[in-house]
């Protein structure tokens, strides 16, 4: 039993060494840094939503934002594609937003993939007031130590990554 335990720790040490070696490579290091930073940003966003008693999640705000950008109405499939969530996850988000009267759904009986989802006046107010304030506050916090020219370059790099990844997945 002791040899299995020793083997476990040896495998763990080997894996740890391998990960550290990989992280030393520029592209891997950049990816790990991006993932870690994304997690930190998400923690800040969730904290802001909670502190300000905003009754929706990041995914719900994203869905409402997409509705605004798409003239207020989209179908289930379009939403799924735009917010990069499974159709099942989108159904759950839609149901939560519908219960809170931030959106309306087409009447039952229509194929849910073709059902029109429309933002309500209450949903528009949320996006306009609370979400806008949140974006301003969080972006000011995130970019407070970064110069404008660096922000512009950062935005261009993210756009290039997004474009490449979306093209490679066919989204």
N, C-alpha and C. Protein backbone atom coordinates (compact mmCIF):
# COMPACT_ATOMS: atom_id res chain seq x y z
N UNK A 1 0.82 -1.19 0.00
CA UNK A 1 0.00 0.00 0.00
C UNK A 1 0.87 1.26 0.00
N UNK A 2 1.97 1.18 0.66
CA UNK A 2 2.87 2.31 0.73
C UNK A 2 3.47 2.62 -0.63
N UNK A 3 3.74 1.58 -1.45
CA UNK A 3 4.31 1.81 -2.78
C UNK A 3 3.31 2.51 -3.70
N UNK A 4 2.01 2.20 -3.53
CA UNK A 4 0.99 2.90 -4.32
C UNK A 4 0.95 4.37 -3.93
N UNK A 5 1.08 4.63 -2.66
CA UNK A 5 1.09 6.01 -2.17
C UNK A 5 2.31 6.75 -2.72
N UNK A 6 3.48 6.08 -2.70
CA UNK A 6 4.69 6.69 -3.25
C UNK A 6 4.54 6.93 -4.74
N UNK A 7 3.93 5.97 -5.43
CA UNK A 7 3.71 6.10 -6.88
C UNK A 7 2.78 7.28 -7.17
N UNK A 8 1.74 7.43 -6.36
CA UNK A 8 0.80 8.55 -6.51
C UNK A 8 1.55 9.88 -6.42
N UNK A 9 2.37 10.05 -5.38
CA UNK A 9 3.09 11.31 -5.18
C UNK A 9 4.12 11.54 -6.27
N UNK A 10 4.73 10.46 -6.76
CA UNK A 10 5.69 10.59 -7.84
C UNK A 10 4.98 11.05 -9.12
N UNK A 11 3.81 10.45 -9.41
CA UNK A 11 3.03 10.88 -10.58
C UNK A 11 2.57 12.32 -10.45
N UNK A 12 2.18 12.70 -9.26
CA UNK A 12 1.76 14.08 -9.00
C UNK A 12 2.92 15.04 -9.24
N UNK A 13 4.10 14.68 -8.72
CA UNK A 13 5.28 15.52 -8.93
C UNK A 13 5.63 15.63 -10.41
N UNK A 14 5.55 14.49 -11.13
CA UNK A 14 5.85 14.50 -12.57
C UNK A 14 4.88 15.41 -13.32
N UNK A 15 3.60 15.30 -12.99
CA UNK A 15 2.59 16.12 -13.65
C UNK A 15 2.80 17.60 -13.31
N UNK A 16 3.10 17.88 -12.07
CA UNK A 16 3.36 19.25 -11.64
C UNK A 16 4.54 19.83 -12.41
N UNK A 17 5.59 19.07 -12.55
CA UNK A 17 6.78 19.51 -13.29
C UNK A 17 6.42 19.76 -14.76
N UNK A 18 5.65 18.84 -15.34
CA UNK A 18 5.25 18.97 -16.74
C UNK A 18 4.41 20.24 -16.97
N UNK A 19 3.47 20.50 -16.05
CA UNK A 19 2.62 21.71 -16.16
C UNK A 19 3.48 22.97 -16.06
N UNK A 20 4.39 22.99 -15.10
CA UNK A 20 5.26 24.17 -14.93
C UNK A 20 6.15 24.38 -16.15
N UNK A 21 6.62 23.29 -16.73
CA UNK A 21 7.45 23.37 -17.93
C UNK A 21 6.63 23.94 -19.10
N UNK A 22 5.40 23.42 -19.28
CA UNK A 22 4.52 23.91 -20.33
C UNK A 22 4.19 25.40 -20.12
N UNK A 23 3.95 25.78 -18.87
CA UNK A 23 3.59 27.17 -18.57
C UNK A 23 4.72 28.12 -18.89
N UNK A 24 5.94 27.60 -18.96
CA UNK A 24 7.08 28.43 -19.32
C UNK A 24 7.08 28.83 -20.78
N UNK A 25 6.32 28.14 -21.59
CA UNK A 25 6.22 28.47 -23.01
C UNK A 25 5.29 29.67 -23.16
N UNK A 26 5.64 30.60 -24.00
CA UNK A 26 4.93 31.87 -24.11
C UNK A 26 3.44 31.72 -24.39
N UNK A 27 3.05 30.93 -25.38
CA UNK A 27 1.63 30.80 -25.73
C UNK A 27 0.84 30.12 -24.61
N UNK A 28 1.42 29.09 -24.01
CA UNK A 28 0.73 28.40 -22.91
C UNK A 28 0.61 29.34 -21.72
N UNK A 29 1.69 30.04 -21.44
CA UNK A 29 1.68 31.00 -20.33
C UNK A 29 0.62 32.08 -20.55
N UNK A 30 0.53 32.58 -21.78
CA UNK A 30 -0.48 33.61 -22.10
C UNK A 30 -1.89 33.05 -21.93
N UNK A 31 -2.12 31.82 -22.37
CA UNK A 31 -3.43 31.19 -22.22
C UNK A 31 -3.78 31.04 -20.74
N UNK A 32 -2.86 30.51 -19.95
CA UNK A 32 -3.12 30.34 -18.52
C UNK A 32 -3.39 31.68 -17.85
N UNK A 33 -2.65 32.68 -18.24
CA UNK A 33 -2.86 34.02 -17.69
C UNK A 33 -4.24 34.56 -18.07
N UNK A 34 -4.64 34.35 -19.31
CA UNK A 34 -5.95 34.78 -19.77
C UNK A 34 -7.06 34.07 -18.99
N UNK A 35 -6.93 32.76 -18.83
CA UNK A 35 -7.95 32.00 -18.10
C UNK A 35 -8.04 32.45 -16.65
N UNK A 36 -6.92 32.64 -16.01
CA UNK A 36 -6.89 33.07 -14.61
C UNK A 36 -7.49 34.47 -14.48
N UNK A 37 -7.13 35.36 -15.40
CA UNK A 37 -7.66 36.73 -15.37
C UNK A 37 -9.16 36.73 -15.61
N UNK A 38 -9.63 35.89 -16.52
CA UNK A 38 -11.07 35.78 -16.78
C UNK A 38 -11.81 35.35 -15.52
N UNK A 39 -11.25 34.39 -14.80
CA UNK A 39 -11.86 33.96 -13.54
C UNK A 39 -11.95 35.11 -12.54
N UNK A 40 -10.89 35.88 -12.44
CA UNK A 40 -10.87 37.01 -11.51
C UNK A 40 -11.91 38.06 -11.91
N UNK A 41 -12.00 38.35 -13.19
CA UNK A 41 -12.99 39.32 -13.68
C UNK A 41 -14.39 38.83 -13.38
N UNK A 42 -14.65 37.54 -13.60
CA UNK A 42 -15.97 36.97 -13.31
C UNK A 42 -16.32 37.08 -11.83
N UNK A 43 -15.34 36.89 -10.96
CA UNK A 43 -15.57 37.06 -9.53
C UNK A 43 -15.97 38.50 -9.23
N UNK A 44 -15.29 39.46 -9.84
CA UNK A 44 -15.63 40.87 -9.65
C UNK A 44 -17.03 41.19 -10.15
N UNK A 45 -17.40 40.63 -11.29
CA UNK A 45 -18.73 40.87 -11.84
C UNK A 45 -19.80 40.29 -10.93
N UNK A 46 -19.62 39.04 -10.51
CA UNK A 46 -20.61 38.42 -9.60
C UNK A 46 -20.72 39.20 -8.30
N UNK A 47 -19.59 39.66 -7.79
CA UNK A 47 -19.58 40.44 -6.55
C UNK A 47 -20.34 41.75 -6.74
N UNK A 48 -20.12 42.42 -7.87
CA UNK A 48 -20.83 43.67 -8.16
C UNK A 48 -22.34 43.43 -8.24
N UNK A 49 -22.73 42.37 -8.94
CA UNK A 49 -24.15 42.06 -9.06
C UNK A 49 -24.78 41.81 -7.69
N UNK A 50 -24.08 41.07 -6.86
CA UNK A 50 -24.60 40.75 -5.53
C UNK A 50 -24.66 42.00 -4.65
N UNK A 51 -23.57 42.77 -4.62
CA UNK A 51 -23.50 43.98 -3.78
C UNK A 51 -24.57 44.99 -4.16
N UNK A 52 -24.90 45.06 -5.42
CA UNK A 52 -25.87 46.04 -5.91
C UNK A 52 -27.26 45.45 -6.08
N UNK A 53 -27.44 44.25 -5.55
CA UNK A 53 -28.74 43.57 -5.56
C UNK A 53 -29.36 43.51 -6.96
N UNK A 54 -28.52 43.25 -7.92
CA UNK A 54 -29.00 43.09 -9.29
C UNK A 54 -29.49 41.66 -9.43
N UNK A 55 -30.79 41.49 -9.73
CA UNK A 55 -31.42 40.17 -9.62
C UNK A 55 -31.21 39.23 -10.80
N UNK A 56 -30.14 39.43 -11.56
CA UNK A 56 -29.89 38.56 -12.70
C UNK A 56 -28.42 38.15 -12.73
N UNK A 57 -28.14 37.07 -13.45
CA UNK A 57 -26.77 36.56 -13.59
C UNK A 57 -26.08 37.21 -14.79
N UNK A 58 -24.78 36.92 -14.92
CA UNK A 58 -24.03 37.40 -16.07
C UNK A 58 -24.64 36.87 -17.37
N UNK A 59 -24.99 35.59 -17.39
CA UNK A 59 -25.58 35.01 -18.60
C UNK A 59 -26.92 35.67 -18.94
N UNK A 60 -27.70 35.99 -17.92
CA UNK A 60 -28.99 36.65 -18.16
C UNK A 60 -28.79 38.06 -18.70
N UNK A 61 -27.81 38.78 -18.15
CA UNK A 61 -27.51 40.11 -18.67
C UNK A 61 -27.01 40.00 -20.11
N UNK A 62 -26.18 39.02 -20.39
CA UNK A 62 -25.67 38.82 -21.74
C UNK A 62 -26.81 38.56 -22.72
N UNK A 63 -27.76 37.72 -22.34
CA UNK A 63 -28.91 37.43 -23.20
C UNK A 63 -29.72 38.70 -23.45
N UNK A 64 -30.00 39.46 -22.39
CA UNK A 64 -30.76 40.71 -22.54
C UNK A 64 -30.01 41.69 -23.44
N UNK A 65 -28.70 41.76 -23.26
CA UNK A 65 -27.87 42.64 -24.08
C UNK A 65 -27.95 42.24 -25.55
N UNK A 66 -27.91 40.94 -25.83
CA UNK A 66 -28.02 40.47 -27.21
C UNK A 66 -29.39 40.81 -27.81
N UNK A 67 -30.44 40.71 -27.00
CA UNK A 67 -31.76 41.10 -27.50
C UNK A 67 -31.78 42.57 -27.89
N UNK A 68 -31.18 43.42 -27.05
CA UNK A 68 -31.12 44.85 -27.36
C UNK A 68 -30.36 45.07 -28.67
N UNK A 69 -29.22 44.41 -28.82
CA UNK A 69 -28.41 44.57 -30.03
C UNK A 69 -29.08 44.03 -31.28
N UNK A 70 -30.07 43.15 -31.11
CA UNK A 70 -30.76 42.54 -32.24
C UNK A 70 -32.21 43.00 -32.34
N UNK A 71 -32.44 44.26 -32.06
CA UNK A 71 -33.73 44.91 -32.23
C UNK A 71 -34.83 44.35 -31.33
N UNK A 72 -34.43 43.77 -30.19
CA UNK A 72 -35.39 43.37 -29.18
C UNK A 72 -35.96 41.97 -29.28
N UNK A 73 -35.78 41.30 -30.41
CA UNK A 73 -36.39 39.98 -30.60
C UNK A 73 -35.41 39.03 -31.30
N UNK A 74 -35.35 37.82 -30.77
CA UNK A 74 -34.54 36.77 -31.39
C UNK A 74 -35.23 35.44 -31.11
N UNK A 75 -34.84 34.41 -31.86
CA UNK A 75 -35.36 33.08 -31.52
C UNK A 75 -34.32 32.33 -30.69
N UNK A 76 -34.74 31.21 -30.16
CA UNK A 76 -33.94 30.40 -29.25
C UNK A 76 -32.58 30.03 -29.86
N UNK A 77 -32.59 29.59 -31.10
CA UNK A 77 -31.37 29.15 -31.78
C UNK A 77 -30.40 30.32 -31.97
N UNK A 78 -30.92 31.47 -32.37
CA UNK A 78 -30.07 32.65 -32.54
C UNK A 78 -29.42 33.05 -31.22
N UNK A 79 -30.21 33.01 -30.15
CA UNK A 79 -29.68 33.37 -28.83
C UNK A 79 -28.58 32.40 -28.44
N UNK A 80 -28.81 31.13 -28.62
CA UNK A 80 -27.82 30.10 -28.27
C UNK A 80 -26.51 30.36 -29.00
N UNK A 81 -26.60 30.68 -30.27
CA UNK A 81 -25.41 30.94 -31.08
C UNK A 81 -24.70 32.22 -30.63
N UNK A 82 -25.45 33.25 -30.30
CA UNK A 82 -24.86 34.54 -29.93
C UNK A 82 -24.21 34.53 -28.55
N UNK A 83 -24.82 33.85 -27.58
CA UNK A 83 -24.26 33.87 -26.23
C UNK A 83 -23.38 32.65 -25.94
N UNK A 84 -23.20 31.81 -26.95
CA UNK A 84 -22.30 30.66 -26.86
C UNK A 84 -22.65 29.73 -25.70
N UNK A 85 -23.94 29.43 -25.60
CA UNK A 85 -24.43 28.50 -24.58
C UNK A 85 -25.27 27.44 -25.28
N UNK A 86 -25.36 26.27 -24.65
CA UNK A 86 -26.16 25.19 -25.22
C UNK A 86 -27.63 25.62 -25.26
N UNK A 87 -28.40 24.97 -26.09
CA UNK A 87 -29.83 25.28 -26.17
C UNK A 87 -30.53 24.98 -24.85
N UNK A 88 -30.08 23.96 -24.16
CA UNK A 88 -30.64 23.65 -22.84
C UNK A 88 -30.36 24.79 -21.86
N UNK A 89 -29.11 25.28 -21.83
CA UNK A 89 -28.76 26.38 -20.93
C UNK A 89 -29.55 27.64 -21.28
N UNK A 90 -29.72 27.89 -22.57
CA UNK A 90 -30.49 29.05 -23.01
C UNK A 90 -31.94 28.92 -22.56
N UNK A 91 -32.51 27.72 -22.65
CA UNK A 91 -33.90 27.51 -22.20
C UNK A 91 -34.04 27.87 -20.72
N UNK A 92 -33.08 27.45 -19.92
CA UNK A 92 -33.13 27.76 -18.49
C UNK A 92 -33.03 29.27 -18.25
N UNK A 93 -32.13 29.94 -18.97
CA UNK A 93 -31.97 31.40 -18.83
C UNK A 93 -33.26 32.10 -19.24
N UNK A 94 -33.83 31.68 -20.37
CA UNK A 94 -35.07 32.27 -20.87
C UNK A 94 -36.19 32.09 -19.85
N UNK A 95 -36.31 30.92 -19.28
CA UNK A 95 -37.37 30.67 -18.29
C UNK A 95 -37.20 31.57 -17.06
N UNK A 96 -35.98 31.74 -16.59
CA UNK A 96 -35.74 32.62 -15.43
C UNK A 96 -36.10 34.07 -15.76
N UNK A 97 -35.68 34.53 -16.93
CA UNK A 97 -35.96 35.91 -17.32
C UNK A 97 -37.46 36.12 -17.56
N UNK A 98 -38.13 35.12 -18.09
CA UNK A 98 -39.57 35.20 -18.31
C UNK A 98 -40.31 35.29 -16.97
N UNK A 99 -39.92 34.47 -16.00
CA UNK A 99 -40.54 34.52 -14.66
C UNK A 99 -40.38 35.89 -14.01
N UNK A 100 -39.27 36.58 -14.32
CA UNK A 100 -39.01 37.89 -13.73
C UNK A 100 -39.57 39.03 -14.60
N UNK A 101 -40.22 38.68 -15.70
CA UNK A 101 -40.86 39.62 -16.63
C UNK A 101 -39.86 40.53 -17.35
N UNK A 102 -38.62 40.04 -17.56
CA UNK A 102 -37.65 40.80 -18.34
C UNK A 102 -37.77 40.50 -19.83
N UNK A 103 -38.42 39.39 -20.14
CA UNK A 103 -38.66 39.00 -21.54
C UNK A 103 -40.05 38.39 -21.64
N UNK A 104 -40.51 38.25 -22.87
CA UNK A 104 -41.73 37.48 -23.13
C UNK A 104 -41.38 36.41 -24.16
N UNK A 105 -42.09 35.29 -24.06
CA UNK A 105 -41.92 34.20 -25.03
C UNK A 105 -43.19 34.11 -25.86
N UNK A 106 -43.02 33.62 -27.08
CA UNK A 106 -44.20 33.37 -27.92
C UNK A 106 -45.08 32.35 -27.21
N UNK A 107 -46.36 32.31 -27.51
CA UNK A 107 -47.27 31.39 -26.83
C UNK A 107 -46.85 29.93 -26.96
N UNK A 108 -47.28 29.08 -26.00
CA UNK A 108 -46.97 27.64 -26.06
C UNK A 108 -47.52 27.02 -27.34
N UNK A 109 -46.92 25.91 -27.72
CA UNK A 109 -47.38 25.21 -28.91
C UNK A 109 -46.49 25.45 -30.10
N UNK A 110 -45.74 26.52 -30.05
CA UNK A 110 -44.81 26.81 -31.14
C UNK A 110 -43.49 26.12 -30.82
N UNK A 111 -42.84 25.54 -31.83
CA UNK A 111 -41.53 24.91 -31.65
C UNK A 111 -40.61 25.91 -30.96
N UNK A 112 -40.04 25.52 -29.80
CA UNK A 112 -39.26 26.47 -29.01
C UNK A 112 -38.05 27.02 -29.76
N UNK A 113 -37.53 26.32 -30.76
CA UNK A 113 -36.40 26.82 -31.54
C UNK A 113 -36.80 28.00 -32.41
N UNK A 114 -38.10 28.06 -32.77
CA UNK A 114 -38.59 29.14 -33.63
C UNK A 114 -39.32 30.21 -32.83
N UNK A 115 -39.54 29.95 -31.55
CA UNK A 115 -40.27 30.88 -30.68
C UNK A 115 -39.54 32.21 -30.57
N UNK A 116 -40.26 33.26 -30.74
CA UNK A 116 -39.68 34.60 -30.62
C UNK A 116 -39.56 34.97 -29.14
N UNK A 117 -38.38 35.40 -28.75
CA UNK A 117 -38.12 35.88 -27.41
C UNK A 117 -37.95 37.39 -27.54
N UNK A 118 -38.73 38.15 -26.77
CA UNK A 118 -38.73 39.61 -26.88
C UNK A 118 -38.43 40.24 -25.53
N UNK A 119 -37.57 41.22 -25.54
CA UNK A 119 -37.25 41.94 -24.30
C UNK A 119 -38.43 42.85 -23.94
N UNK A 120 -38.74 42.93 -22.67
CA UNK A 120 -39.84 43.78 -22.20
C UNK A 120 -39.29 45.15 -21.80
N UNK A 121 -40.21 46.05 -21.48
CA UNK A 121 -39.81 47.38 -21.01
C UNK A 121 -38.97 47.24 -19.73
N UNK A 122 -39.37 46.33 -18.86
CA UNK A 122 -38.63 46.08 -17.62
C UNK A 122 -37.21 45.58 -17.95
N UNK A 123 -37.09 44.72 -18.92
CA UNK A 123 -35.77 44.22 -19.35
C UNK A 123 -34.92 45.33 -19.93
N UNK A 124 -35.55 46.18 -20.74
CA UNK A 124 -34.82 47.32 -21.30
C UNK A 124 -34.30 48.26 -20.21
N UNK A 125 -35.14 48.51 -19.22
CA UNK A 125 -34.73 49.38 -18.11
C UNK A 125 -33.54 48.79 -17.37
N UNK A 126 -33.56 47.47 -17.15
CA UNK A 126 -32.44 46.82 -16.47
C UNK A 126 -31.15 47.01 -17.26
N UNK A 127 -31.21 46.72 -18.56
CA UNK A 127 -30.01 46.85 -19.40
C UNK A 127 -29.56 48.31 -19.44
N UNK A 128 -30.51 49.22 -19.60
CA UNK A 128 -30.18 50.64 -19.73
C UNK A 128 -29.58 51.21 -18.45
N UNK A 129 -30.18 50.95 -17.33
CA UNK A 129 -29.76 51.58 -16.08
C UNK A 129 -28.71 50.78 -15.33
N UNK A 130 -29.10 49.68 -14.80
CA UNK A 130 -28.22 48.93 -13.90
C UNK A 130 -27.03 48.34 -14.63
N UNK A 131 -27.27 47.66 -15.73
CA UNK A 131 -26.17 47.00 -16.44
C UNK A 131 -25.17 48.02 -16.96
N UNK A 132 -25.64 49.16 -17.45
CA UNK A 132 -24.74 50.19 -17.95
C UNK A 132 -23.85 50.70 -16.83
N UNK A 133 -24.44 51.00 -15.68
CA UNK A 133 -23.66 51.45 -14.53
C UNK A 133 -22.63 50.40 -14.14
N UNK A 134 -23.03 49.15 -14.16
CA UNK A 134 -22.14 48.06 -13.82
C UNK A 134 -20.97 47.96 -14.78
N UNK A 135 -21.25 48.06 -16.07
CA UNK A 135 -20.17 48.00 -17.07
C UNK A 135 -19.18 49.13 -16.87
N UNK A 136 -19.70 50.33 -16.60
CA UNK A 136 -18.81 51.49 -16.40
C UNK A 136 -17.95 51.26 -15.15
N UNK A 137 -18.58 50.83 -14.06
CA UNK A 137 -17.86 50.62 -12.80
C UNK A 137 -16.80 49.53 -12.95
N UNK A 138 -17.20 48.38 -13.50
CA UNK A 138 -16.29 47.25 -13.59
C UNK A 138 -15.16 47.54 -14.59
N UNK A 139 -15.48 48.14 -15.72
CA UNK A 139 -14.43 48.44 -16.69
C UNK A 139 -13.44 49.47 -16.13
N UNK A 140 -13.94 50.44 -15.37
CA UNK A 140 -13.04 51.42 -14.74
C UNK A 140 -12.11 50.72 -13.76
N UNK A 141 -12.65 49.77 -13.02
CA UNK A 141 -11.85 49.03 -12.04
C UNK A 141 -10.79 48.17 -12.75
N UNK A 142 -11.20 47.46 -13.77
CA UNK A 142 -10.29 46.56 -14.48
C UNK A 142 -9.17 47.32 -15.17
N UNK A 143 -9.51 48.41 -15.83
CA UNK A 143 -8.53 49.11 -16.66
C UNK A 143 -7.93 50.35 -16.02
N UNK A 144 -8.09 50.50 -14.71
CA UNK A 144 -7.60 51.71 -14.03
C UNK A 144 -6.08 51.89 -14.14
N UNK A 145 -5.35 50.80 -14.24
CA UNK A 145 -3.88 50.87 -14.28
C UNK A 145 -3.32 50.71 -15.70
N UNK A 146 -4.19 50.79 -16.70
CA UNK A 146 -3.76 50.52 -18.07
C UNK A 146 -3.96 51.78 -18.92
N UNK A 147 -2.97 52.10 -19.71
CA UNK A 147 -3.04 53.28 -20.58
C UNK A 147 -3.99 53.02 -21.75
N UNK A 148 -4.55 54.10 -22.27
CA UNK A 148 -5.52 54.00 -23.36
C UNK A 148 -4.97 53.24 -24.56
N UNK A 149 -3.73 53.51 -24.95
CA UNK A 149 -3.16 52.81 -26.12
C UNK A 149 -3.03 51.31 -25.86
N UNK A 150 -2.77 50.91 -24.60
CA UNK A 150 -2.70 49.50 -24.25
C UNK A 150 -4.08 48.86 -24.31
N UNK A 151 -5.10 49.60 -23.90
CA UNK A 151 -6.48 49.09 -23.95
C UNK A 151 -6.89 48.86 -25.40
N UNK A 152 -6.54 49.79 -26.27
CA UNK A 152 -6.87 49.66 -27.70
C UNK A 152 -6.19 48.42 -28.28
N UNK A 153 -4.90 48.23 -27.97
CA UNK A 153 -4.17 47.06 -28.45
C UNK A 153 -4.77 45.77 -27.89
N UNK A 154 -5.10 45.78 -26.60
CA UNK A 154 -5.70 44.63 -25.95
C UNK A 154 -7.02 44.26 -26.63
N UNK A 155 -7.83 45.26 -26.90
CA UNK A 155 -9.12 45.03 -27.55
C UNK A 155 -8.93 44.43 -28.95
N UNK A 156 -7.94 44.93 -29.69
CA UNK A 156 -7.65 44.41 -31.03
C UNK A 156 -7.19 42.95 -30.97
N UNK A 157 -6.37 42.63 -29.97
CA UNK A 157 -5.88 41.26 -29.82
C UNK A 157 -7.03 40.32 -29.48
N UNK A 158 -7.90 40.73 -28.55
CA UNK A 158 -9.05 39.91 -28.19
C UNK A 158 -9.96 39.69 -29.39
N UNK A 159 -10.17 40.73 -30.18
CA UNK A 159 -11.03 40.61 -31.37
C UNK A 159 -10.43 39.61 -32.35
N UNK A 160 -9.12 39.65 -32.52
CA UNK A 160 -8.44 38.73 -33.43
C UNK A 160 -8.58 37.29 -32.93
N UNK A 161 -8.40 37.08 -31.62
CA UNK A 161 -8.56 35.74 -31.04
C UNK A 161 -9.99 35.25 -31.23
N UNK A 162 -10.97 36.12 -30.91
CA UNK A 162 -12.39 35.76 -31.06
C UNK A 162 -12.71 35.38 -32.49
N UNK A 163 -12.26 36.20 -33.43
CA UNK A 163 -12.55 35.96 -34.84
C UNK A 163 -11.97 34.61 -35.28
N UNK A 164 -10.74 34.33 -34.88
CA UNK A 164 -10.10 33.06 -35.24
C UNK A 164 -10.85 31.88 -34.63
N UNK A 165 -11.17 31.97 -33.33
CA UNK A 165 -11.85 30.85 -32.66
C UNK A 165 -13.25 30.63 -33.18
N UNK A 166 -13.98 31.70 -33.45
CA UNK A 166 -15.33 31.55 -33.99
C UNK A 166 -15.30 30.96 -35.39
N UNK A 167 -14.31 31.35 -36.18
CA UNK A 167 -14.19 30.79 -37.53
C UNK A 167 -13.83 29.30 -37.47
N UNK A 168 -13.00 28.93 -36.53
CA UNK A 168 -12.56 27.53 -36.44
C UNK A 168 -13.67 26.61 -35.88
N UNK A 169 -14.65 27.20 -35.16
CA UNK A 169 -15.75 26.39 -34.63
C UNK A 169 -16.99 26.48 -35.51
N UNK A 170 -16.94 27.35 -36.50
CA UNK A 170 -18.09 27.50 -37.40
C UNK A 170 -19.22 28.31 -36.78
N UNK A 171 -18.95 29.04 -35.72
CA UNK A 171 -20.01 29.83 -35.08
C UNK A 171 -20.19 31.16 -35.76
